[in-house]
Protein backbone atom coordinates (compact mmCIF):
# COMPACT_ATOMS: atom_id res chain seq x y z
CA UNK A 1 4.40 69.04 79.40
CA UNK A 2 3.94 72.79 79.21
CA UNK A 3 6.31 73.22 82.15
CA UNK A 4 8.95 71.12 80.41
CA UNK A 5 8.53 73.17 77.23
CA UNK A 6 8.86 76.46 79.13
CA UNK A 7 11.91 75.20 81.02
CA UNK A 8 13.84 74.63 77.78
CA UNK A 9 16.22 77.38 76.67
CA UNK A 10 14.83 79.56 73.86
CA UNK A 11 17.48 78.40 71.37
CA UNK A 12 16.36 74.79 71.91
CA UNK A 13 12.69 75.73 71.41
CA UNK A 14 13.38 77.91 68.37
CA UNK A 15 16.13 75.94 66.58
CA UNK A 16 16.66 72.38 67.80
CA UNK A 17 13.03 71.27 68.09
CA UNK A 18 12.01 72.55 64.61
CA UNK A 19 15.09 70.95 63.04
CA UNK A 20 14.26 67.61 64.65
CA UNK A 21 10.63 67.98 63.51
CA UNK A 22 11.73 68.66 59.93
CA UNK A 23 14.08 65.66 59.94
CA UNK A 24 11.33 63.37 61.28
CA UNK A 25 8.83 64.70 58.74
CA UNK A 26 11.34 64.21 55.91
CA UNK A 27 12.00 60.61 56.98
CA UNK A 28 8.27 59.92 57.28
CA UNK A 29 7.61 61.32 53.81
CA UNK A 30 10.34 59.18 52.25
CA UNK A 31 9.10 56.12 54.16
CA UNK A 32 5.64 56.60 52.64
CA UNK A 33 7.11 57.23 49.16
CA UNK A 34 9.23 54.08 49.46
CA UNK A 35 6.31 51.97 50.63
CA UNK A 36 4.06 53.16 47.81
CA UNK A 37 6.81 52.65 45.24
CA UNK A 38 7.49 49.14 46.52
CA UNK A 39 3.79 48.29 46.38
CA UNK A 40 3.49 49.58 42.82
CA UNK A 41 6.59 47.64 41.76
CA UNK A 42 5.17 44.46 43.31
CA UNK A 43 1.82 44.96 41.55
CA UNK A 44 3.56 45.58 38.23
CA UNK A 45 5.64 42.39 38.58
CA UNK A 46 2.55 40.40 39.58
CA UNK A 47 0.71 41.74 36.53
CA UNK A 48 3.58 40.64 34.29
CA UNK A 49 3.60 37.15 35.85
CA UNK A 50 -0.18 36.82 35.42
CA UNK A 51 0.08 37.97 31.80
CA UNK A 52 2.84 35.49 31.01
CA UNK A 53 0.90 32.69 32.74
CA UNK A 54 -2.22 33.55 30.73
CA UNK A 55 -0.19 33.48 27.52
CA UNK A 56 1.25 30.08 28.40
CA UNK A 57 -2.22 28.71 29.15
CA UNK A 58 -3.55 30.00 25.83
CA UNK A 59 -0.61 28.51 23.92
CA UNK A 60 -0.92 25.15 25.68
CA UNK A 61 -4.67 25.00 24.88
CA UNK A 62 -3.97 25.83 21.23
CA UNK A 63 -1.28 23.15 21.07
CA UNK A 64 -3.57 20.58 22.69
CA UNK A 65 -6.29 21.20 20.06
CA UNK A 66 -4.03 20.63 17.08
C-alpha cells in the first residue's frame, strides 16, 4: 500500500485524496444525523400513538362504569 501511495503524483496525494476524504466524511456525518433524526421522529410518533391509546382506554373504562 505504501508503494501505491508513493507512486501517486503529488497533486493526487495533496488535493484529490483529501477532497475525497472530506466528501466521504461529510456524507457519513449526514447519514448519522439522518438516522438519529429518523429514530427520534419514530419514537415521538410512537409516544403520541401510545398516549392516544391510553386516553381511549381511560375514556372507554369511564364510559363502561356509568
